N, C-alpha and C. Protein backbone atom coordinates (compact mmCIF):
# COMPACT_ATOMS: atom_id res chain seq x y z
N MET A 1 -30.85 1.21 43.39
CA MET A 1 -31.10 0.40 42.23
C MET A 1 -29.94 0.59 41.25
N ARG A 2 -29.44 -0.50 40.70
CA ARG A 2 -28.36 -0.45 39.71
C ARG A 2 -28.89 -0.87 38.36
N ILE A 3 -28.47 -0.17 37.37
CA ILE A 3 -28.84 -0.54 36.00
C ILE A 3 -27.56 -0.92 35.29
N LEU A 4 -27.53 -2.11 34.80
CA LEU A 4 -26.35 -2.59 34.09
C LEU A 4 -26.66 -2.64 32.61
N GLY A 5 -25.68 -2.39 31.83
CA GLY A 5 -25.89 -2.48 30.39
C GLY A 5 -24.68 -1.95 29.65
N TYR A 6 -24.81 -1.96 28.39
CA TYR A 6 -23.74 -1.50 27.54
C TYR A 6 -24.22 -0.30 26.76
N GLY A 7 -23.38 0.65 26.65
CA GLY A 7 -23.71 1.83 25.86
C GLY A 7 -22.66 2.02 24.80
N LYS A 8 -23.06 2.57 23.73
CA LYS A 8 -22.13 2.85 22.64
C LYS A 8 -21.43 4.16 22.96
N THR A 9 -20.13 4.12 22.99
CA THR A 9 -19.38 5.35 23.23
C THR A 9 -18.72 5.78 21.94
N GLU A 10 -18.67 7.05 21.75
CA GLU A 10 -18.05 7.60 20.56
C GLU A 10 -16.85 8.43 20.96
N LYS A 11 -15.95 8.60 20.04
CA LYS A 11 -14.74 9.37 20.29
C LYS A 11 -15.13 10.82 20.59
N VAL A 12 -14.52 11.38 21.61
CA VAL A 12 -14.71 12.78 21.93
C VAL A 12 -13.51 13.53 21.38
N ASP A 13 -13.77 14.46 20.47
CA ASP A 13 -12.67 15.16 19.83
C ASP A 13 -12.02 16.21 20.73
N HIS A 14 -12.81 16.91 21.50
CA HIS A 14 -12.26 18.00 22.32
C HIS A 14 -12.72 17.82 23.76
N LEU A 15 -11.79 17.48 24.61
CA LEU A 15 -12.10 17.37 26.02
C LEU A 15 -11.93 18.72 26.71
N VAL A 16 -11.07 19.54 26.15
CA VAL A 16 -10.82 20.86 26.71
C VAL A 16 -11.17 21.89 25.64
N THR A 17 -12.04 22.81 25.97
CA THR A 17 -12.41 23.85 25.02
C THR A 17 -11.52 25.07 25.23
N LYS A 18 -11.51 25.94 24.24
CA LYS A 18 -10.73 27.17 24.34
C LYS A 18 -11.17 27.99 25.55
N GLU A 19 -12.48 27.99 25.78
CA GLU A 19 -13.02 28.78 26.87
C GLU A 19 -12.54 28.30 28.23
N MET A 20 -12.17 27.03 28.31
CA MET A 20 -11.73 26.45 29.57
C MET A 20 -10.27 26.81 29.88
N LEU A 21 -9.56 27.31 28.90
CA LEU A 21 -8.14 27.61 29.08
C LEU A 21 -7.91 29.11 29.12
N ASP A 22 -6.93 29.50 29.91
CA ASP A 22 -6.52 30.90 29.84
C ASP A 22 -5.66 31.06 28.58
N ARG A 23 -5.37 32.28 28.24
CA ARG A 23 -4.62 32.55 26.99
C ARG A 23 -3.30 31.82 26.92
N GLU A 24 -2.55 31.85 28.00
CA GLU A 24 -1.23 31.23 28.01
C GLU A 24 -1.34 29.72 27.83
N SER A 25 -2.28 29.09 28.53
CA SER A 25 -2.47 27.64 28.41
C SER A 25 -2.91 27.28 27.00
N HIS A 26 -3.78 28.09 26.44
CA HIS A 26 -4.24 27.84 25.07
C HIS A 26 -3.09 27.95 24.08
N ARG A 27 -2.24 28.96 24.26
CA ARG A 27 -1.09 29.14 23.39
C ARG A 27 -0.13 27.95 23.50
N LYS A 28 0.11 27.48 24.71
CA LYS A 28 1.00 26.33 24.92
C LYS A 28 0.41 25.07 24.29
N LEU A 29 -0.87 24.89 24.43
CA LEU A 29 -1.53 23.72 23.83
C LEU A 29 -1.41 23.78 22.31
N GLN A 30 -1.67 24.93 21.72
CA GLN A 30 -1.57 25.08 20.27
C GLN A 30 -0.15 24.82 19.79
N LYS A 31 0.82 25.34 20.53
CA LYS A 31 2.23 25.14 20.16
C LYS A 31 2.58 23.65 20.22
N PHE A 32 2.13 22.97 21.26
CA PHE A 32 2.38 21.54 21.39
C PHE A 32 1.76 20.78 20.23
N LEU A 33 0.51 21.08 19.90
CA LEU A 33 -0.17 20.39 18.80
C LEU A 33 0.52 20.63 17.46
N GLU A 34 1.03 21.84 17.26
CA GLU A 34 1.78 22.12 16.04
C GLU A 34 3.08 21.32 16.00
N GLU A 35 3.75 21.19 17.15
CA GLU A 35 4.97 20.40 17.22
C GLU A 35 4.69 18.93 16.92
N VAL A 36 3.57 18.42 17.42
CA VAL A 36 3.17 17.03 17.14
C VAL A 36 2.94 16.85 15.64
N GLU A 37 2.23 17.79 15.03
CA GLU A 37 1.98 17.71 13.58
C GLU A 37 3.28 17.72 12.79
N MET A 38 4.22 18.57 13.19
CA MET A 38 5.50 18.63 12.49
C MET A 38 6.30 17.34 12.69
N ALA A 39 6.23 16.76 13.88
CA ALA A 39 6.93 15.50 14.14
C ALA A 39 6.34 14.38 13.28
N ILE A 40 5.03 14.35 13.17
CA ILE A 40 4.36 13.35 12.33
C ILE A 40 4.77 13.55 10.87
N PHE A 41 4.75 14.80 10.43
CA PHE A 41 5.14 15.11 9.06
C PHE A 41 6.58 14.67 8.78
N SER A 42 7.49 15.04 9.67
CA SER A 42 8.90 14.69 9.48
C SER A 42 9.13 13.19 9.50
N ALA A 43 8.48 12.50 10.42
CA ALA A 43 8.62 11.04 10.51
C ALA A 43 8.12 10.39 9.23
N ASN A 44 6.96 10.81 8.74
CA ASN A 44 6.42 10.24 7.51
C ASN A 44 7.33 10.50 6.32
N ARG A 45 7.83 11.71 6.21
CA ARG A 45 8.73 12.03 5.09
C ARG A 45 9.98 11.17 5.12
N GLU A 46 10.59 11.05 6.29
CA GLU A 46 11.83 10.29 6.42
C GLU A 46 11.60 8.81 6.12
N VAL A 47 10.59 8.23 6.72
CA VAL A 47 10.32 6.79 6.56
C VAL A 47 9.91 6.48 5.13
N LEU A 48 9.00 7.27 4.58
CA LEU A 48 8.52 7.00 3.22
C LEU A 48 9.60 7.20 2.17
N LYS A 49 10.48 8.17 2.38
CA LYS A 49 11.56 8.39 1.41
C LYS A 49 12.45 7.16 1.31
N LYS A 50 12.70 6.52 2.46
CA LYS A 50 13.53 5.31 2.46
C LYS A 50 12.76 4.10 1.95
N ALA A 51 11.51 3.98 2.34
CA ALA A 51 10.74 2.78 2.03
C ALA A 51 10.19 2.75 0.61
N VAL A 52 9.88 3.92 0.04
CA VAL A 52 9.25 3.97 -1.28
C VAL A 52 9.95 4.99 -2.18
N PRO A 53 11.23 4.77 -2.47
CA PRO A 53 11.93 5.74 -3.30
C PRO A 53 11.47 5.72 -4.76
N GLU A 54 10.79 4.64 -5.16
CA GLU A 54 10.38 4.52 -6.56
C GLU A 54 9.04 5.19 -6.86
N LEU A 55 8.48 5.92 -5.91
CA LEU A 55 7.22 6.62 -6.16
C LEU A 55 7.49 7.85 -7.02
N THR A 56 7.06 7.73 -8.27
CA THR A 56 7.23 8.81 -9.24
C THR A 56 5.87 9.11 -9.86
N ARG A 57 5.83 10.13 -10.67
CA ARG A 57 4.58 10.44 -11.38
C ARG A 57 4.17 9.24 -12.24
N GLU A 58 5.14 8.64 -12.90
CA GLU A 58 4.85 7.51 -13.79
C GLU A 58 4.35 6.30 -12.99
N SER A 59 5.00 6.01 -11.86
CA SER A 59 4.57 4.84 -11.08
C SER A 59 3.20 5.08 -10.45
N PHE A 60 2.92 6.33 -10.06
CA PHE A 60 1.61 6.64 -9.49
C PHE A 60 0.51 6.51 -10.54
N MET A 61 0.79 6.99 -11.74
CA MET A 61 -0.20 6.88 -12.82
C MET A 61 -0.40 5.42 -13.22
N ALA A 62 0.67 4.64 -13.24
CA ALA A 62 0.55 3.20 -13.54
C ALA A 62 -0.28 2.51 -12.46
N PHE A 63 -0.08 2.92 -11.22
CA PHE A 63 -0.86 2.38 -10.10
C PHE A 63 -2.34 2.68 -10.32
N ALA A 64 -2.66 3.89 -10.73
CA ALA A 64 -4.06 4.27 -10.99
C ALA A 64 -4.67 3.37 -12.07
N VAL A 65 -3.90 3.05 -13.09
CA VAL A 65 -4.38 2.17 -14.17
C VAL A 65 -4.62 0.76 -13.62
N ARG A 66 -3.71 0.26 -12.78
CA ARG A 66 -3.89 -1.08 -12.19
C ARG A 66 -5.16 -1.15 -11.34
N VAL A 67 -5.45 -0.08 -10.61
CA VAL A 67 -6.67 -0.03 -9.80
C VAL A 67 -7.90 -0.06 -10.71
N ALA A 68 -7.86 0.69 -11.78
CA ALA A 68 -8.98 0.70 -12.74
C ALA A 68 -9.16 -0.68 -13.38
N GLU A 69 -8.05 -1.34 -13.69
CA GLU A 69 -8.14 -2.69 -14.27
C GLU A 69 -8.74 -3.68 -13.27
N ALA A 70 -8.35 -3.58 -12.01
CA ALA A 70 -8.91 -4.47 -10.99
C ALA A 70 -10.41 -4.22 -10.83
N ARG A 71 -10.81 -2.96 -10.85
CA ARG A 71 -12.23 -2.62 -10.75
C ARG A 71 -12.98 -3.19 -11.95
N ALA A 72 -12.41 -3.06 -13.14
CA ALA A 72 -13.05 -3.57 -14.35
C ALA A 72 -13.19 -5.09 -14.30
N ARG A 73 -12.13 -5.80 -13.82
CA ARG A 73 -12.21 -7.27 -13.69
C ARG A 73 -13.34 -7.67 -12.76
N TYR A 74 -13.41 -7.00 -11.62
CA TYR A 74 -14.44 -7.30 -10.62
C TYR A 74 -15.84 -7.09 -11.20
N LEU A 75 -16.05 -5.97 -11.84
CA LEU A 75 -17.37 -5.69 -12.41
C LEU A 75 -17.70 -6.63 -13.56
N LYS A 76 -16.71 -6.98 -14.38
CA LYS A 76 -16.93 -7.91 -15.49
C LYS A 76 -17.40 -9.27 -14.97
N ILE A 77 -16.71 -9.77 -13.95
CA ILE A 77 -17.09 -11.06 -13.36
C ILE A 77 -18.49 -10.97 -12.77
N ALA A 78 -18.77 -9.89 -12.07
CA ALA A 78 -20.08 -9.72 -11.45
C ALA A 78 -21.19 -9.72 -12.51
N LEU A 79 -20.96 -9.01 -13.59
CA LEU A 79 -21.96 -8.97 -14.66
C LEU A 79 -22.12 -10.32 -15.34
N GLU A 80 -21.01 -11.03 -15.54
CA GLU A 80 -21.09 -12.38 -16.11
C GLU A 80 -21.92 -13.29 -15.22
N LEU A 81 -21.69 -13.21 -13.91
CA LEU A 81 -22.41 -14.08 -12.97
C LEU A 81 -23.87 -13.69 -12.83
N SER A 82 -24.19 -12.44 -13.09
CA SER A 82 -25.58 -12.01 -12.96
C SER A 82 -26.48 -12.66 -14.01
N ALA A 83 -25.88 -13.18 -15.06
CA ALA A 83 -26.65 -13.86 -16.11
C ALA A 83 -27.05 -15.27 -15.67
N ASN A 84 -26.42 -15.77 -14.62
CA ASN A 84 -26.67 -17.12 -14.14
C ASN A 84 -27.44 -17.05 -12.82
N ALA A 85 -28.62 -17.67 -12.79
CA ALA A 85 -29.45 -17.63 -11.58
C ALA A 85 -28.80 -18.39 -10.42
N ASN A 86 -27.99 -19.39 -10.72
CA ASN A 86 -27.35 -20.20 -9.68
C ASN A 86 -25.85 -20.33 -9.94
N PRO A 87 -25.09 -19.29 -9.60
CA PRO A 87 -23.65 -19.39 -9.83
C PRO A 87 -23.03 -20.47 -8.95
N SER A 88 -22.01 -21.10 -9.45
CA SER A 88 -21.34 -22.18 -8.71
C SER A 88 -20.51 -21.60 -7.57
N PRO A 89 -20.16 -22.43 -6.61
CA PRO A 89 -19.27 -21.96 -5.54
C PRO A 89 -17.93 -21.45 -6.09
N GLU A 90 -17.46 -22.07 -7.17
CA GLU A 90 -16.22 -21.62 -7.79
C GLU A 90 -16.38 -20.22 -8.39
N ASP A 91 -17.55 -19.98 -9.00
CA ASP A 91 -17.81 -18.65 -9.56
C ASP A 91 -17.86 -17.60 -8.45
N ILE A 92 -18.50 -17.93 -7.36
CA ILE A 92 -18.59 -17.00 -6.23
C ILE A 92 -17.19 -16.75 -5.65
N ALA A 93 -16.38 -17.78 -5.57
CA ALA A 93 -15.01 -17.63 -5.06
C ALA A 93 -14.20 -16.72 -5.99
N ARG A 94 -14.39 -16.87 -7.29
CA ARG A 94 -13.70 -16.02 -8.27
C ARG A 94 -14.14 -14.56 -8.13
N LEU A 95 -15.44 -14.35 -7.91
CA LEU A 95 -15.96 -13.00 -7.71
C LEU A 95 -15.40 -12.40 -6.41
N LYS A 96 -15.37 -13.21 -5.37
CA LYS A 96 -14.85 -12.74 -4.08
C LYS A 96 -13.37 -12.35 -4.20
N ALA A 97 -12.60 -13.16 -4.88
CA ALA A 97 -11.17 -12.87 -5.06
C ALA A 97 -11.00 -11.57 -5.84
N ALA A 98 -11.82 -11.36 -6.86
CA ALA A 98 -11.73 -10.13 -7.65
C ALA A 98 -12.12 -8.92 -6.81
N ARG A 99 -13.13 -9.07 -5.96
CA ARG A 99 -13.55 -7.97 -5.08
C ARG A 99 -12.45 -7.63 -4.07
N GLU A 100 -11.87 -8.66 -3.48
CA GLU A 100 -10.81 -8.43 -2.49
C GLU A 100 -9.60 -7.76 -3.14
N ALA A 101 -9.25 -8.19 -4.34
CA ALA A 101 -8.13 -7.56 -5.04
C ALA A 101 -8.44 -6.10 -5.33
N ASN A 102 -9.65 -5.84 -5.80
CA ASN A 102 -10.07 -4.46 -6.07
C ASN A 102 -10.02 -3.62 -4.80
N ASP A 103 -10.60 -4.13 -3.73
CA ASP A 103 -10.64 -3.39 -2.46
C ASP A 103 -9.24 -3.09 -1.93
N GLU A 104 -8.37 -4.07 -1.95
CA GLU A 104 -7.02 -3.87 -1.43
C GLU A 104 -6.24 -2.86 -2.26
N LEU A 105 -6.34 -2.99 -3.58
CA LEU A 105 -5.64 -2.03 -4.44
C LEU A 105 -6.21 -0.62 -4.26
N LEU A 106 -7.51 -0.52 -4.12
CA LEU A 106 -8.14 0.79 -3.93
C LEU A 106 -7.69 1.41 -2.61
N HIS A 107 -7.65 0.64 -1.53
CA HIS A 107 -7.19 1.16 -0.24
C HIS A 107 -5.73 1.61 -0.33
N ALA A 108 -4.91 0.82 -0.98
CA ALA A 108 -3.50 1.18 -1.12
C ALA A 108 -3.34 2.44 -1.96
N PHE A 109 -4.15 2.56 -3.02
CA PHE A 109 -4.09 3.74 -3.87
C PHE A 109 -4.50 4.99 -3.09
N GLU A 110 -5.58 4.87 -2.31
CA GLU A 110 -6.04 6.01 -1.51
C GLU A 110 -4.99 6.41 -0.47
N ALA A 111 -4.32 5.43 0.12
CA ALA A 111 -3.26 5.73 1.09
C ALA A 111 -2.10 6.45 0.39
N THR A 112 -1.77 6.01 -0.80
CA THR A 112 -0.68 6.64 -1.56
C THR A 112 -1.06 8.07 -1.95
N LYS A 113 -2.29 8.24 -2.37
CA LYS A 113 -2.78 9.58 -2.72
C LYS A 113 -2.72 10.51 -1.51
N ARG A 114 -3.10 10.00 -0.35
CA ARG A 114 -3.05 10.81 0.88
C ARG A 114 -1.61 11.21 1.22
N VAL A 115 -0.68 10.29 1.03
CA VAL A 115 0.74 10.58 1.28
C VAL A 115 1.18 11.75 0.40
N ILE A 116 0.75 11.75 -0.84
CA ILE A 116 1.12 12.82 -1.77
C ILE A 116 0.42 14.12 -1.36
N GLU A 117 -0.87 14.05 -1.06
CA GLU A 117 -1.62 15.25 -0.68
C GLU A 117 -1.07 15.89 0.60
N ARG A 118 -0.62 15.07 1.53
CA ARG A 118 -0.09 15.59 2.80
C ARG A 118 1.34 16.11 2.64
N GLY A 119 1.96 15.85 1.50
CA GLY A 119 3.32 16.33 1.28
C GLY A 119 4.38 15.45 1.93
N TYR A 120 4.01 14.22 2.27
CA TYR A 120 4.97 13.31 2.88
C TYR A 120 6.02 12.86 1.87
N THR A 121 5.68 12.97 0.61
CA THR A 121 6.63 12.62 -0.45
C THR A 121 6.42 13.58 -1.61
N LEU A 122 7.49 13.87 -2.27
CA LEU A 122 7.40 14.68 -3.48
C LEU A 122 7.60 13.74 -4.64
N LEU A 123 6.69 13.79 -5.58
CA LEU A 123 6.80 12.90 -6.74
C LEU A 123 7.99 13.31 -7.60
N ALA A 124 8.84 12.36 -7.83
CA ALA A 124 9.97 12.60 -8.73
C ALA A 124 9.44 12.68 -10.15
N LYS A 125 10.10 13.45 -10.96
CA LYS A 125 9.63 13.60 -12.36
C LYS A 125 10.03 12.43 -13.21
């Protein structure tokens, strides 16, 4: 008898456990993983330094303010529309545009923050 169907598969983080490896194999695996991390770090530093040389403390703080302003615009529009039981399609489009702008700026800000936290760039003074 065959049973056909679809199952949800999830990412498996560790296919090989420490217990499955002898000491030497475990050491080699750890060394390789450290080399991969360093390669990723170096690549990010090199690429980001060329692509975003204007990332400074001032530009990062200004970016944070722009994200806050986009969030405020989105919430302001939403609250204005909540007073109307039947918002127009144009009002909904305006709200959607404000949400998309907020979401995109927030994602970009979080990515920039991660770059700084990971040390891929040093903020110029």
